Amino acid sequence: MRIYLIGYMGSGKSTIGKRLAHLTGLSFIDLDKYIEERNCRSVPQIFAMEGEDAFREKEHKALLEVSEFDNVVVATGGGSPCFFGNMELMNKTGITLFLDVEVPVLARRLAFSKTERPLIKGKTRQDLTDFINSNLEKRRPFYEKSQYRITGTEINPEEILRLIEKG
């Protein structure tokens, strides 16, 4: 079984993914961490040294690799579904779940995030909200190709399992 969690940064993909993996006994892969390990550089370093296009190519290559792993929950990057046919690859090779969280919640979470995120670095709260709205408008058509959509701020892994089991 292969489960892909997709959604905007700050939607809880890594947090939910770890809990879901623990609950199911599957392995957990954070795609950004996987990329960092393979490239011996952090995501912000890759962005700074090589640019977003190079990062997206590395991301696609990493996704191709993990799409061959068995029994995993994969927390993808927020932009992963939007490039190189990645959404189609994930739908073909596993179960896709879109964690759909409202913009004010995303902005609050990201404003207080301890993780350095290159695309939002240095933005004011209003700039961040505007950026999320604009970016989500572009990304939503990709996210909505997901097999399942889960909304809310307190997403429960048990609910996800029940949803998957119903098919």
Foldseek 3Di string as FASTA:
>chain_A
DEEEEEEAPQLCLQVLQVVLCVVVVFAEEELQVVLCVVVVHHPLVCCVPPNDVVVLVSSVVSLVVCLPDPRYYYYYHHCNLPPDNRLVSDVVRHAYEYRDEDLVSSLVSVVPDPDDDVVCPPPDSVRSSVVCVVVCVNCVVSSVVGPYYDYDRDDDSVVVVVVVVVD
